[in-house]
Amino acid sequence: MPHYVCDFIDDSNWHKTKEEVKTRTFDTEESAKEWFKAQFPGKNLEFTGFHRTERYATIWVDCDGKSIGEITRRPNEGEKYFTS
């Protein structure tokens, strides 16, 4: 089963500890979207749907017309990157 990792453009996971990134990691796409909604209550968020990038399938997240982050669908160890 894949997992879904949320990342902000202005507060990237590259600068987070493994433990901090775990708090942004979810078992379902819907849970990941709900996490973003909880970070921006009352805001109109738009989710692009998955697009294939160099490594992961990615949903970009926009808020009020501005790109704020992404959700990447990542495989578990030993799985291919682009499983359906």
C-alpha atoms as a PDB file:
ATOM      1  CA  MET A   1       0.000   0.000   0.000  1.00  0.00           C
ATOM      2  CA  PRO A   2       1.286   3.460  -0.833  1.00  0.00           C
ATOM      3  CA  HIS A   3       1.395   6.296   1.653  1.00  0.00           C
ATOM      4  CA  TYR A   4       0.806  10.010   1.147  1.00  0.00           C
ATOM      5  CA  VAL A   5       3.184  12.746   2.274  1.00  0.00           C
ATOM      6  CA  CYS A   6       2.133  16.388   2.616  1.00  0.00           C
ATOM      7  CA  ASP A   7       4.680  19.113   2.005  1.00  0.00           C
ATOM      8  CA  PHE A   8       4.521  22.918   2.062  1.00  0.00           C
ATOM      9  CA  ILE A   9       6.423  24.990  -0.462  1.00  0.00           C
ATOM     10  CA  ASP A  10       7.443  27.532   2.213  1.00  0.00           C
ATOM     11  CA  ASP A  11       8.158  24.930   4.925  1.00  0.00           C
ATOM     12  CA  SER A  12       9.650  22.002   3.054  1.00  0.00           C
ATOM     13  CA  ASN A  13      10.092  18.503   4.436  1.00  0.00           C
ATOM     14  CA  TRP A  14      13.730  18.751   3.349  1.00  0.00           C
ATOM     15  CA  HIS A  15      14.265  20.837   6.486  1.00  0.00           C
ATOM     16  CA  LYS A  16      12.264  18.554   8.812  1.00  0.00           C
ATOM     17  CA  THR A  17      13.325  15.646  10.953  1.00  0.00           C
ATOM     18  CA  LYS A  18      12.096  12.161  10.119  1.00  0.00           C
ATOM     19  CA  GLU A  19       9.738  12.382  13.090  1.00  0.00           C
ATOM     20  CA  GLU A  20       8.280  15.687  11.863  1.00  0.00           C
ATOM     21  CA  VAL A  21       7.707  14.263   8.381  1.00  0.00           C
ATOM     22  CA  LYS A  22       5.851  11.321   9.929  1.00  0.00           C
ATOM     23  CA  THR A  23       3.266  13.802  11.255  1.00  0.00           C
ATOM     24  CA  ARG A  24       2.641  14.798   7.623  1.00  0.00           C
ATOM     25  CA  THR A  25       2.357  11.189   6.360  1.00  0.00           C
ATOM     26  CA  PHE A  26      -0.984   9.429   5.896  1.00  0.00           C
ATOM     27  CA  ASP A  27      -2.416   6.092   4.771  1.00  0.00           C
ATOM     28  CA  THR A  28      -4.987   7.601   2.408  1.00  0.00           C
ATOM     29  CA  GLU A  29      -5.201  10.441  -0.079  1.00  0.00           C
ATOM     30  CA  GLU A  30      -8.325  11.724   1.678  1.00  0.00           C
ATOM     31  CA  SER A  31      -6.516  11.904   5.036  1.00  0.00           C
ATOM     32  CA  ALA A  32      -3.716  13.910   3.415  1.00  0.00           C
ATOM     33  CA  LYS A  33      -6.233  16.345   1.920  1.00  0.00           C
ATOM     34  CA  GLU A  34      -7.962  16.693   5.291  1.00  0.00           C
ATOM     35  CA  TRP A  35      -4.602  17.546   6.880  1.00  0.00           C
ATOM     36  CA  PHE A  36      -4.131  20.412   4.406  1.00  0.00           C
ATOM     37  CA  LYS A  37      -7.694  21.612   5.043  1.00  0.00           C
ATOM     38  CA  ALA A  38      -7.013  21.638   8.799  1.00  0.00           C
ATOM     39  CA  GLN A  39      -3.942  23.846   8.228  1.00  0.00           C
ATOM     40  CA  PHE A  40      -6.065  26.408   6.329  1.00  0.00           C
ATOM     41  CA  PRO A  41      -9.518  26.418   7.944  1.00  0.00           C
ATOM     42  CA  GLY A  42     -12.131  28.335   5.992  1.00  0.00           C
ATOM     43  CA  LYS A  43      -9.870  28.717   2.946  1.00  0.00           C
ATOM     44  CA  ASN A  44     -10.710  27.490  -0.536  1.00  0.00           C
ATOM     45  CA  LEU A  45      -8.135  24.807  -1.330  1.00  0.00           C
ATOM     46  CA  GLU A  46      -7.791  23.287  -4.774  1.00  0.00           C
ATOM     47  CA  PHE A  47      -6.224  19.858  -5.374  1.00  0.00           C
ATOM     48  CA  THR A  48      -4.992  19.194  -8.913  1.00  0.00           C
ATOM     49  CA  GLY A  49      -5.340  15.425  -9.005  1.00  0.00           C
ATOM     50  CA  PHE A  50      -2.316  13.208  -9.416  1.00  0.00           C
ATOM     51  CA  HIS A  51       0.354  13.991 -11.996  1.00  0.00           C
ATOM     52  CA  ARG A  52       3.435  11.905 -12.587  1.00  0.00           C
ATOM     53  CA  THR A  53       6.655  13.667 -11.737  1.00  0.00           C
ATOM     54  CA  GLU A  54      10.235  12.443 -11.982  1.00  0.00           C
ATOM     55  CA  ARG A  55       9.856  10.200  -8.912  1.00  0.00           C
ATOM     56  CA  TYR A  56       6.352  10.292  -7.448  1.00  0.00           C
ATOM     57  CA  ALA A  57       2.746  10.821  -8.395  1.00  0.00           C
ATOM     58  CA  THR A  58       1.986  14.294  -7.039  1.00  0.00           C
ATOM     59  CA  ILE A  59      -1.063  16.427  -6.271  1.00  0.00           C
ATOM     60  CA  TRP A  60      -0.346  20.152  -6.143  1.00  0.00           C
ATOM     61  CA  VAL A  61      -2.313  22.173  -3.604  1.00  0.00           C
ATOM     62  CA  ASP A  62      -3.400  25.767  -4.230  1.00  0.00           C
ATOM     63  CA  CYS A  63      -4.955  28.229  -1.796  1.00  0.00           C
ATOM     64  CA  ASP A  64      -6.625  31.379  -3.121  1.00  0.00           C
ATOM     65  CA  GLY A  65      -4.876  30.888  -6.462  1.00  0.00           C
ATOM     66  CA  LYS A  66      -1.399  30.480  -4.944  1.00  0.00           C
ATOM     67  CA  SER A  67       0.535  27.226  -4.901  1.00  0.00           C
ATOM     68  CA  ILE A  68       1.141  26.264  -1.260  1.00  0.00           C
ATOM     69  CA  GLY A  69       2.223  22.638  -1.309  1.00  0.00           C
ATOM     70  CA  GLU A  70       1.898  19.116  -2.573  1.00  0.00           C
ATOM     71  CA  ILE A  71       0.852  15.609  -1.669  1.00  0.00           C
ATOM     72  CA  THR A  72       3.093  12.853  -2.989  1.00  0.00           C
ATOM     73  CA  ARG A  73       1.978   9.243  -3.263  1.00  0.00           C
ATOM     74  CA  ARG A  74       4.958   7.143  -2.267  1.00  0.00           C
ATOM     75  CA  PRO A  75       5.392   3.411  -2.424  1.00  0.00           C
ATOM     76  CA  ASN A  76       6.316   1.269   0.524  1.00  0.00           C
ATOM     77  CA  GLU A  77       9.749  -0.276   0.432  1.00  0.00           C
ATOM     78  CA  GLY A  78      10.080  -2.734  -2.439  1.00  0.00           C
ATOM     79  CA  GLU A  79       7.119  -1.390  -4.427  1.00  0.00           C
ATOM     80  CA  LYS A  80       7.310   0.357  -7.775  1.00  0.00           C
ATOM     81  CA  TYR A  81       6.835   4.125  -7.772  1.00  0.00           C
ATOM     82  CA  PHE A  82       3.822   4.303 -10.061  1.00  0.00           C
ATOM     83  CA  THR A  83       1.490   1.589  -8.889  1.00  0.00           C
ATOM     84  CA  SER A  84      -2.222   2.236  -9.336  1.00  0.00           C
END
